Amino acid sequence: MLLAVFGVINLFLDVLRWIIIIQAILSWLVAFNVINTHNDFMRTFLNALDRITEPLYRPIRRVLPDFGGIDFSPLVALLVVIAIQMLLGGLAADLAY
């Protein structure tokens, strides 16, 4: 039962990891004018991704110093998600034995 809970948490963290990666790549494409934000669908999609990721980035941005125009909060959030997945994997392996 507990291993199933770990599996669901791991699946959620995998989805979150892909959302962070997609949001970061799309923000770069918007910054370099590759993606047109005048398109209603794209604007809505980017807005939804920002609403999902902003609560994750906000505490990280408060702690990180200002690096000019570069935002490292997606990278830090991604590293935290990967670290949590590794810890949960180790905990699940310990509980399995």
Protein backbone atom coordinates (compact mmCIF):
# COMPACT_ATOMS: atom_id res chain seq x y z
CA MET A 1 0.00 0.00 0.00
CA LEU A 2 2.74 2.41 0.97
CA LEU A 3 4.71 1.59 -2.17
CA ALA A 4 1.65 2.48 -4.25
CA VAL A 5 1.53 5.88 -2.54
CA PHE A 6 5.21 6.38 -3.35
CA GLY A 7 4.47 5.44 -6.96
CA VAL A 8 1.70 8.03 -7.19
CA ILE A 9 3.92 10.71 -5.63
CA ASN A 10 6.71 9.79 -8.04
CA LEU A 11 4.30 10.06 -10.99
CA PHE A 12 3.17 13.50 -9.77
CA LEU A 13 6.78 14.61 -9.46
CA ASP A 14 7.53 13.34 -13.01
CA VAL A 15 4.64 15.40 -14.38
CA LEU A 16 5.83 18.41 -12.38
CA ARG A 17 9.34 17.98 -13.74
CA TRP A 18 8.02 18.03 -17.34
CA ILE A 19 5.86 21.07 -16.61
CA ILE A 20 8.91 22.95 -15.31
CA ILE A 21 10.99 21.98 -18.36
CA ILE A 22 8.23 22.94 -20.82
CA GLN A 23 7.59 26.25 -19.06
CA ALA A 24 11.29 27.14 -19.06
CA ILE A 25 11.73 26.33 -22.76
CA LEU A 26 8.59 28.22 -23.74
CA SER A 27 9.68 31.26 -21.72
CA TRP A 28 12.97 31.28 -23.66
CA LEU A 29 11.10 31.01 -26.95
CA VAL A 30 8.88 33.94 -25.96
CA ALA A 31 11.92 35.98 -24.89
CA PHE A 32 13.59 35.43 -28.28
CA ASN A 33 10.34 36.19 -30.19
CA VAL A 34 10.07 32.70 -31.64
CA ILE A 35 6.58 32.24 -30.22
CA ASN A 36 3.94 34.86 -30.91
CA THR A 37 2.04 35.72 -27.72
CA HIS A 38 -0.72 37.46 -29.69
CA ASN A 39 -2.16 34.01 -30.42
CA ASP A 40 -5.00 33.40 -27.94
CA PHE A 41 -4.26 29.71 -27.46
CA MET A 42 -0.56 30.25 -26.84
CA ARG A 43 -1.21 33.13 -24.46
CA THR A 44 -3.70 31.00 -22.50
CA PHE A 45 -1.31 28.03 -22.43
CA LEU A 46 1.60 30.18 -21.22
CA ASN A 47 -0.64 31.81 -18.62
CA ALA A 48 -1.71 28.39 -17.31
CA LEU A 49 1.89 27.21 -17.07
CA ASP A 50 2.84 30.40 -15.23
CA ARG A 51 0.01 29.89 -12.75
CA ILE A 52 1.13 26.31 -12.11
CA THR A 53 4.82 27.08 -11.66
CA GLU A 54 4.72 30.48 -9.96
CA PRO A 55 3.93 29.09 -6.47
CA LEU A 56 7.00 26.86 -6.83
CA TYR A 57 9.27 29.63 -8.03
CA ARG A 58 8.21 32.38 -5.61
CA PRO A 59 9.98 31.05 -2.47
CA ILE A 60 13.06 30.20 -4.52
CA ARG A 61 13.19 33.70 -6.02
CA ARG A 62 13.05 35.22 -2.54
CA VAL A 63 16.14 33.26 -1.49
CA LEU A 64 18.23 33.52 -4.68
CA PRO A 65 20.21 36.71 -5.29
CA ASP A 66 19.53 38.85 -8.35
CA PHE A 67 21.47 37.55 -11.35
CA GLY A 68 20.41 40.31 -13.71
CA GLY A 69 18.11 39.07 -16.45
CA ILE A 70 18.69 35.37 -15.80
CA ASP A 71 16.16 33.44 -13.71
CA PHE A 72 17.62 30.33 -12.10
CA SER A 73 14.48 29.43 -10.14
CA PRO A 74 13.30 26.77 -12.68
CA LEU A 75 16.70 25.08 -12.44
CA VAL A 76 16.61 25.09 -8.64
CA ALA A 77 13.01 23.81 -8.62
CA LEU A 78 13.97 21.05 -11.03
CA LEU A 79 16.91 20.03 -8.83
CA VAL A 80 14.65 19.96 -5.76
CA VAL A 81 12.10 17.76 -7.56
CA ILE A 82 14.84 15.35 -8.67
CA ALA A 83 16.28 15.24 -5.14
CA ILE A 84 12.84 14.46 -3.68
CA GLN A 85 12.38 11.69 -6.25
CA MET A 86 15.75 10.19 -5.33
CA LEU A 87 14.92 10.32 -1.62
CA LEU A 88 11.52 8.72 -2.18
CA GLY A 89 13.10 6.02 -4.34
CA GLY A 90 15.60 5.20 -1.61
CA LEU A 91 12.88 5.19 1.03
CA ALA A 92 10.69 2.93 -1.11
CA ALA A 93 13.62 0.55 -1.64
CA ASP A 94 14.27 0.44 2.12
CA LEU A 95 10.62 -0.28 2.84
CA ALA A 96 10.48 -3.01 0.21
CA TYR A 97 13.11 -5.10 2.00
